[in-house]
């Protein structure tokens, strides 16, 4: 039965939730990886894409207080707290622009001081200073929070942000959709239905987004598969509705327990990481790209994951802070040369892309 399911999936046929759970539990890892790799190669050939990007984190002060998060602090009185002004962030972005970045990834804490108007100002100023740089900004939970503080709907907030220069939305905040698990790890965060609805609104407005899964803590295989199925269903809805944009990529994120409320957990094993990568590629037949977040996976697993369905890496990520608030030992960022080397050593062809997966030609990127 496993061989039959893997054969169908590797040919691009849709598998059910029950079949996915069965594969996760019982399929030999090598066979699962081979099927996922076949899907990735049929879609993308030997190419693995990456982009040259940098992080901006406006503040680490956050009122939500998720137990799995090592990045945020509760109050400005915490000695670790920081909060940057629009001018400070624009100055920093200009200072790192000579690295050839094509994207700024902007996420941070949620607090009343960081309002919808603040982000409108930030996006306008960044676009004025760096018009060629794409703004991938604000998770769905951040959008919902600033919309609620402003007394508008998330859709209205997105419309205003897009007018200011918002180009795409990252996939953070999804964690695991299971209400049981969210109660344990993120009991103050909005429910899965809200996350999904904000992404539905973004797609209808023409704003492309990504999706994530935080795995390797308290979720069961059934809950993991349910999460993937709900993402697949939303993508189906967008395709049927003719939405102007949809999920571009899915990013499986292994839980990093260091410096969190759950530091007693071991974190996911190599087998669990690769099994989750491969299963995601087989289930999410309507999401084009499967992205490896090398910061959290580690360089070795990221490279190995190229044989388990990964076709994209998360970029150079200058000064990544969120994952590095745990005890992860990966670098704060990688050079473009190192990412290309990582891909080539994994037997694939590196291709630089922009935020919307068009090829980047370096002579066209302003210094």
Protein backbone atom coordinates (compact mmCIF):
# COMPACT_ATOMS: atom_id res chain seq x y z
CA UNK A 1 0.00 0.00 0.00
CA UNK A 2 2.82 2.42 0.84
CA UNK A 3 4.51 1.83 -2.52
CA UNK A 4 1.25 2.49 -4.35
CA UNK A 5 0.65 5.77 -2.51
CA UNK A 6 4.22 6.93 -3.08
CA UNK A 7 4.02 6.03 -6.77
CA UNK A 8 0.84 8.06 -7.22
CA UNK A 9 2.17 10.99 -5.22
CA UNK A 10 5.47 11.08 -7.09
CA UNK A 11 3.50 11.37 -10.33
CA UNK A 12 1.66 14.37 -8.99
CA UNK A 13 -1.60 12.71 -7.98
CA UNK A 14 -3.33 14.06 -4.90
CA UNK A 15 -3.15 12.04 -1.69
CA UNK A 16 -5.67 12.05 1.14
CA UNK A 17 -5.12 12.99 4.77
CA UNK A 18 -5.28 9.33 5.83
CA UNK A 19 -2.73 8.39 3.19
CA UNK A 20 -0.44 11.22 4.30
CA UNK A 21 -0.59 10.10 7.94
CA UNK A 22 0.17 6.55 6.84
CA UNK A 23 3.18 7.70 4.82
CA UNK A 24 4.52 9.78 7.68
CA UNK A 25 4.21 6.91 10.12
CA UNK A 26 5.29 3.96 8.01
CA UNK A 27 7.05 4.89 4.76
CA UNK A 28 10.79 4.24 4.68
CA UNK A 29 12.50 7.62 4.86
CA UNK A 30 14.56 7.04 1.73
CA UNK A 31 11.47 6.10 -0.29
CA UNK A 32 9.53 9.08 1.02
CA UNK A 33 12.42 11.36 0.07
CA UNK A 34 12.74 9.84 -3.40
CA UNK A 35 9.07 10.45 -4.13
CA UNK A 36 9.28 14.06 -2.93
CA UNK A 37 12.47 14.66 -4.90
CA UNK A 38 10.75 13.36 -8.03
CA UNK A 39 7.96 15.91 -7.54
CA UNK A 40 10.47 18.74 -7.03
CA UNK A 41 12.52 17.77 -10.08
CA UNK A 42 9.45 17.51 -12.28
CA UNK A 43 8.42 21.02 -11.20
CA UNK A 44 11.81 22.74 -11.11
CA UNK A 45 14.39 20.51 -12.76
CA UNK A 46 17.81 20.71 -11.11
CA UNK A 47 17.42 24.35 -10.11
CA UNK A 48 17.28 25.49 -6.50
CA UNK A 49 16.53 29.15 -5.96
CA UNK A 50 17.54 31.63 -3.28
CA UNK A 51 17.43 35.39 -2.82
CA UNK A 52 19.68 38.07 -1.40
CA UNK A 53 17.75 39.58 1.47
CA UNK A 54 18.07 41.11 4.91
CA UNK A 55 15.99 41.24 8.07
CA UNK A 56 14.56 44.31 9.75
CA UNK A 57 13.00 43.73 13.18
CA UNK A 58 11.42 47.01 14.35
CA UNK A 59 10.99 45.86 17.96
CA UNK A 60 11.24 42.78 20.12
CA UNK A 61 8.67 44.04 22.64
CA UNK A 62 5.54 41.89 22.31
CA UNK A 63 2.32 41.59 24.31
CA UNK A 64 1.48 38.12 22.99
CA UNK A 65 4.12 36.13 24.87
CA UNK A 66 4.18 32.79 23.03
CA UNK A 67 5.84 30.06 25.05
CA UNK A 68 7.90 28.82 22.10
CA UNK A 69 9.41 32.25 21.36
CA UNK A 70 12.86 33.23 22.61
CA UNK A 71 12.94 36.50 20.66
CA UNK A 72 10.32 38.67 22.36
CA UNK A 73 10.32 40.51 25.69
CA UNK A 74 7.26 41.77 27.56
CA UNK A 75 8.21 45.36 28.28
CA UNK A 76 10.58 48.17 27.36
CA UNK A 77 12.01 47.90 30.88
CA UNK A 78 13.57 44.56 30.01
CA UNK A 79 17.32 45.13 29.42
CA UNK A 80 17.07 43.12 26.20
CA UNK A 81 14.32 45.34 24.77
CA UNK A 82 14.77 47.50 21.70
CA UNK A 83 12.41 49.64 19.64
CA UNK A 84 13.51 51.42 16.47
CA UNK A 85 12.04 54.47 14.82
CA UNK A 86 11.20 54.68 11.13
CA UNK A 87 14.26 56.84 10.51
CA UNK A 88 16.55 54.37 12.29
CA UNK A 89 15.25 51.45 10.24
CA UNK A 90 15.53 53.34 6.96
CA UNK A 91 19.08 54.37 7.82
CA UNK A 92 19.96 50.76 8.60
CA UNK A 93 18.37 49.52 5.39
CA UNK A 94 20.37 52.03 3.37
CA UNK A 95 23.55 50.98 5.17
CA UNK A 96 23.13 47.33 4.15
CA UNK A 97 21.81 48.02 0.65
CA UNK A 98 25.32 47.79 -0.80
CA UNK A 99 25.12 44.03 -0.16
CA UNK A 100 22.92 43.89 -3.25
CA UNK A 101 19.74 42.97 -1.40
CA UNK A 102 16.54 42.63 -3.40
CA UNK A 103 14.26 42.04 -0.39
CA UNK A 104 13.75 43.27 3.16
CA UNK A 105 12.03 40.81 5.50
CA UNK A 106 10.24 42.86 8.16
CA UNK A 107 8.69 41.19 11.22
CA UNK A 108 8.80 41.94 14.93
CA UNK A 109 6.93 42.14 18.20
CA UNK A 110 3.36 43.33 18.63
CA UNK A 111 2.81 46.33 20.86
CA UNK A 112 0.46 49.33 20.78
CA UNK A 113 3.29 51.71 19.88
CA UNK A 114 3.86 49.96 16.55
CA UNK A 115 0.67 50.90 14.77
CA UNK A 116 -0.78 50.64 11.30
CA UNK A 117 0.24 54.27 10.71
CA UNK A 118 3.81 53.45 11.82
CA UNK A 119 4.09 50.67 9.25
CA UNK A 120 2.56 52.82 6.53
CA UNK A 121 5.23 55.45 7.23
CA UNK A 122 7.96 52.81 7.34
CA UNK A 123 6.98 51.24 4.03
CA UNK A 124 6.67 54.62 2.28
CA UNK A 125 10.07 55.75 3.53
CA UNK A 126 11.76 52.47 2.63
CA UNK A 127 10.30 52.57 -0.88
CA UNK A 128 11.44 56.16 -1.32
CA UNK A 129 14.97 55.27 -0.23
CA UNK A 130 15.23 51.83 -1.89
CA UNK A 131 12.59 51.58 -4.63
CA UNK A 132 14.12 48.43 -6.11
CA UNK A 133 13.89 46.46 -2.84
CA UNK A 134 10.81 44.31 -2.21
CA UNK A 135 9.13 44.51 1.21
CA UNK A 136 8.16 41.11 2.58
CA UNK A 137 6.54 42.19 5.79
CA UNK A 138 4.17 41.50 8.66
CA UNK A 139 2.83 38.06 9.42
CA UNK A 140 -0.93 37.51 9.42
CA UNK A 141 -1.03 37.78 13.21
CA UNK A 142 0.75 41.15 13.04
CA UNK A 143 -1.67 42.38 10.38
CA UNK A 144 -4.65 41.33 12.51
CA UNK A 145 -3.15 43.02 15.57
CA UNK A 146 -2.42 46.39 13.97
CA UNK A 147 -5.80 46.32 12.21
CA UNK A 148 -7.60 45.71 15.51
CA UNK A 149 -5.64 48.52 17.19
CA UNK A 150 -6.60 50.85 14.31
CA UNK A 151 -10.27 49.86 14.36
CA UNK A 152 -10.26 48.53 10.79
CA UNK A 153 -10.57 45.09 9.25
CA UNK A 154 -7.43 43.13 8.29
CA UNK A 155 -8.42 43.53 4.65
CA UNK A 156 -8.60 47.32 5.04
CA UNK A 157 -5.24 47.30 6.80
CA UNK A 158 -3.73 45.29 3.95
CA UNK A 159 -5.12 47.72 1.37
CA UNK A 160 -3.51 50.65 3.20
CA UNK A 161 -0.21 48.80 3.60
CA UNK A 162 -0.14 47.85 -0.07
CA UNK A 163 -0.69 51.48 -1.03
CA UNK A 164 2.31 52.34 1.15
CA UNK A 165 4.56 49.76 -0.54
CA UNK A 166 3.82 46.34 0.97
CA UNK A 167 4.85 43.73 -1.64
CA UNK A 168 4.33 40.30 -0.03
CA UNK A 169 3.55 38.63 3.29
CA UNK A 170 5.68 36.01 5.06
CA UNK A 171 4.18 32.83 6.46
CA UNK A 172 4.98 33.18 10.15
CA UNK A 173 2.41 32.95 12.90
CA UNK A 174 0.79 29.79 11.55
CA UNK A 175 2.67 27.57 14.05
CA UNK A 176 0.34 24.51 14.15
CA UNK A 177 -3.34 25.02 13.38
CA UNK A 178 -4.49 22.47 15.97
CA UNK A 179 -6.39 24.30 18.77
CA UNK A 180 -4.98 21.80 21.26
CA UNK A 181 -1.40 22.61 20.35
CA UNK A 182 -1.97 26.36 20.07
CA UNK A 183 -3.34 26.34 23.63
CA UNK A 184 -0.03 24.88 24.78
CA UNK A 185 2.48 26.92 22.78
CA UNK A 186 0.68 30.15 21.84
CA UNK A 187 -2.48 30.53 23.90
CA UNK A 188 -2.67 34.32 23.37
CA UNK A 189 -2.24 34.16 19.60
CA UNK A 190 -5.21 34.43 17.23
CA UNK A 191 -6.73 31.09 16.14
CA UNK A 192 -5.88 29.36 12.92
CA UNK A 193 -9.09 30.53 11.25
CA UNK A 194 -7.96 34.15 11.58
CA UNK A 195 -4.52 33.39 10.13
CA UNK A 196 -6.11 31.64 7.18
CA UNK A 197 -8.63 34.43 6.59
CA UNK A 198 -5.94 37.13 6.53
CA UNK A 199 -4.06 35.16 3.90
CA UNK A 200 -7.30 34.69 1.96
CA UNK A 201 -7.78 38.47 1.99
CA UNK A 202 -4.17 39.05 0.92
CA UNK A 203 -4.54 36.69 -2.04
CA UNK A 204 -7.79 38.34 -3.14
CA UNK A 205 -6.06 41.74 -3.05
CA UNK A 206 -3.13 40.52 -5.14
CA UNK A 207 -0.61 40.22 -2.31
CA UNK A 208 1.44 36.98 -2.57
CA UNK A 209 2.19 35.17 0.67
CA UNK A 210 4.04 32.20 2.12
CA UNK A 211 2.96 29.57 4.65
CA UNK A 212 4.75 27.79 7.48
CA UNK A 213 4.47 24.93 9.95
CA UNK A 214 6.34 24.91 13.26
CA UNK A 215 6.92 21.23 14.02
CA UNK A 216 8.72 18.98 16.44
CA UNK A 217 7.16 19.88 19.80
CA UNK A 218 3.68 18.73 20.90
CA UNK A 219 1.89 18.05 17.61
CA UNK A 220 0.82 14.58 16.50
CA UNK A 221 1.28 13.32 12.92
CA UNK A 222 -2.47 13.73 12.44
CA UNK A 223 -2.30 17.38 13.53
CA UNK A 224 0.66 18.00 11.28
CA UNK A 225 -1.19 16.57 8.29
CA UNK A 226 -4.35 18.51 9.15
CA UNK A 227 -2.27 21.70 9.05
CA UNK A 228 -1.00 20.85 5.57
CA UNK A 229 -4.48 19.95 4.39
CA UNK A 230 -5.91 23.30 5.50
CA UNK A 231 -3.17 25.12 3.59
CA UNK A 232 -3.87 23.00 0.52
CA UNK A 233 -7.59 23.74 0.78
CA UNK A 234 -7.02 27.50 1.00
CA UNK A 235 -4.78 27.35 -2.06
CA UNK A 236 -7.49 25.37 -3.87
CA UNK A 237 -10.02 28.05 -2.97
CA UNK A 238 -7.74 30.78 -4.32
CA UNK A 239 -7.23 28.93 -7.58
CA UNK A 240 -10.97 28.34 -7.97
CA UNK A 241 -11.74 31.99 -7.19
CA UNK A 242 -9.12 33.24 -9.62
CA UNK A 243 -7.29 35.14 -6.86
CA UNK A 244 -4.62 37.45 -8.17
CA UNK A 245 -2.03 35.98 -5.80
CA UNK A 246 -1.65 32.83 -3.73
CA UNK A 247 0.84 30.96 -1.55
CA UNK A 248 4.21 31.05 -3.28
CA UNK A 249 6.09 28.77 -0.92
CA UNK A 250 5.71 26.57 2.12
CA UNK A 251 8.42 26.60 4.80
CA UNK A 252 8.64 23.75 7.35
CA UNK A 253 10.21 25.20 10.51
CA UNK A 254 11.72 22.86 13.10
CA UNK A 255 11.08 23.91 16.68
CA UNK A 256 14.18 25.24 18.47
CA UNK A 257 13.68 24.71 22.23
CA UNK A 258 16.65 26.70 23.54
CA UNK A 259 15.75 29.71 25.74
CA UNK A 260 12.01 29.00 25.45
CA UNK A 261 9.43 27.82 27.99
CA UNK A 262 9.89 24.35 26.50
CA UNK A 263 13.66 24.08 26.73
CA UNK A 264 13.22 20.59 28.22
CA UNK A 265 12.09 19.26 24.84
CA UNK A 266 14.69 17.69 22.56
CA UNK A 267 13.53 19.32 19.34
CA UNK A 268 12.92 17.32 16.16
CA UNK A 269 15.39 14.67 15.05
CA UNK A 270 17.03 14.45 11.64
CA UNK A 271 14.47 11.81 10.64
CA UNK A 272 11.56 14.04 11.68
CA UNK A 273 12.94 17.04 9.82
CA UNK A 274 13.50 15.16 6.57
CA UNK A 275 10.24 13.23 6.89
CA UNK A 276 8.31 16.47 7.37
CA UNK A 277 10.04 18.13 4.41
CA UNK A 278 9.26 15.20 2.12
CA UNK A 279 5.66 14.76 3.25
CA UNK A 280 5.02 18.48 2.78
CA UNK A 281 6.17 18.30 -0.83
CA UNK A 282 3.85 15.35 -1.51
CA UNK A 283 0.78 16.83 0.21
CA UNK A 284 1.06 20.42 -0.98
CA UNK A 285 0.65 19.66 -4.65
CA UNK A 286 -0.72 23.14 -5.41
CA UNK A 287 1.97 25.27 -3.71
CA UNK A 288 4.85 25.83 -6.15
CA UNK A 289 7.87 26.01 -3.85
CA UNK A 290 9.15 24.22 -0.76
CA UNK A 291 11.59 26.48 1.04
CA UNK A 292 14.34 25.37 3.41
CA UNK A 293 14.93 27.84 6.24
CA UNK A 294 18.61 27.05 6.70
CA UNK A 295 18.81 29.11 9.92
CA UNK A 296 16.56 26.65 11.74
CA UNK A 297 17.30 23.48 9.78
CA UNK A 298 21.08 23.90 9.86
CA UNK A 299 23.25 23.82 6.78
CA UNK A 300 23.69 20.03 6.77
CA UNK A 301 19.97 19.21 6.93
CA UNK A 302 19.19 21.97 4.43
CA UNK A 303 21.62 20.48 1.96
CA UNK A 304 20.31 16.97 2.60
CA UNK A 305 16.77 18.31 2.20
CA UNK A 306 17.53 19.11 -1.43
CA UNK A 307 17.10 15.35 -1.97
CA UNK A 308 13.81 15.35 -0.04
CA UNK A 309 11.84 17.96 -1.95
CA UNK A 310 13.36 21.36 -1.14
CA UNK A 311 13.70 23.61 -4.20
CA UNK A 312 14.30 26.98 -2.56
CA UNK A 313 16.37 28.43 0.28
CA UNK A 314 15.47 31.31 2.52
CA UNK A 315 18.14 33.72 1.35
CA UNK A 316 21.17 35.44 2.79
CA UNK A 317 19.16 36.76 5.80
CA UNK A 318 21.57 39.43 6.99
CA UNK A 319 21.32 39.78 10.79
CA UNK A 320 18.56 37.22 11.43
CA UNK A 321 17.50 37.64 15.09
CA UNK A 322 14.32 35.64 15.73
CA UNK A 323 15.72 32.12 15.48
CA UNK A 324 19.04 33.25 16.93
CA UNK A 325 17.36 34.24 20.18
CA UNK A 326 17.37 30.49 20.86
CA UNK A 327 20.60 28.52 21.17
CA UNK A 328 20.81 27.78 17.45
CA UNK A 329 24.40 27.75 16.22
CA UNK A 330 23.89 28.71 12.58
CA UNK A 331 25.38 31.99 11.29
CA UNK A 332 23.42 35.25 11.46
CA UNK A 333 23.59 35.31 7.68
CA UNK A 334 25.24 33.59 4.74
CA UNK A 335 26.97 35.17 1.79
CA UNK A 336 25.53 34.69 -1.65
CA UNK A 337 28.61 32.65 -2.50
CA UNK A 338 28.07 30.31 0.46
CA UNK A 339 24.42 29.68 -0.42
CA UNK A 340 25.34 28.94 -4.03
CA UNK A 341 28.05 26.60 -2.78
CA UNK A 342 25.61 24.85 -0.42
CA UNK A 343 23.25 24.19 -3.32
CA UNK A 344 25.97 23.09 -5.73
CA UNK A 345 27.47 20.71 -3.17
CA UNK A 346 23.99 19.20 -2.85
CA UNK A 347 24.08 18.33 -6.53
CA UNK A 348 21.76 21.10 -7.72
CA UNK A 349 22.05 24.28 -9.76
CA UNK A 350 21.82 27.56 -7.78
CA UNK A 351 19.66 30.32 -9.27
CA UNK A 352 19.16 33.73 -7.70
CA UNK A 353 15.54 34.90 -7.64
CA UNK A 354 13.58 37.89 -6.44
CA UNK A 355 10.62 37.84 -4.05
CA UNK A 356 8.18 36.68 -6.73
CA UNK A 357 10.57 34.01 -8.08
CA UNK A 358 11.71 35.81 -11.20
CA UNK A 359 15.40 35.37 -12.01
CA UNK A 360 17.74 38.11 -10.85
CA UNK A 361 20.44 39.36 -13.17
CA UNK A 362 23.11 40.99 -11.05
CA UNK A 363 23.88 43.75 -13.54
CA UNK A 364 20.28 44.95 -13.07
CA UNK A 365 20.47 45.22 -9.28
CA UNK A 366 21.48 48.68 -7.98
CA UNK A 367 24.48 48.66 -5.66
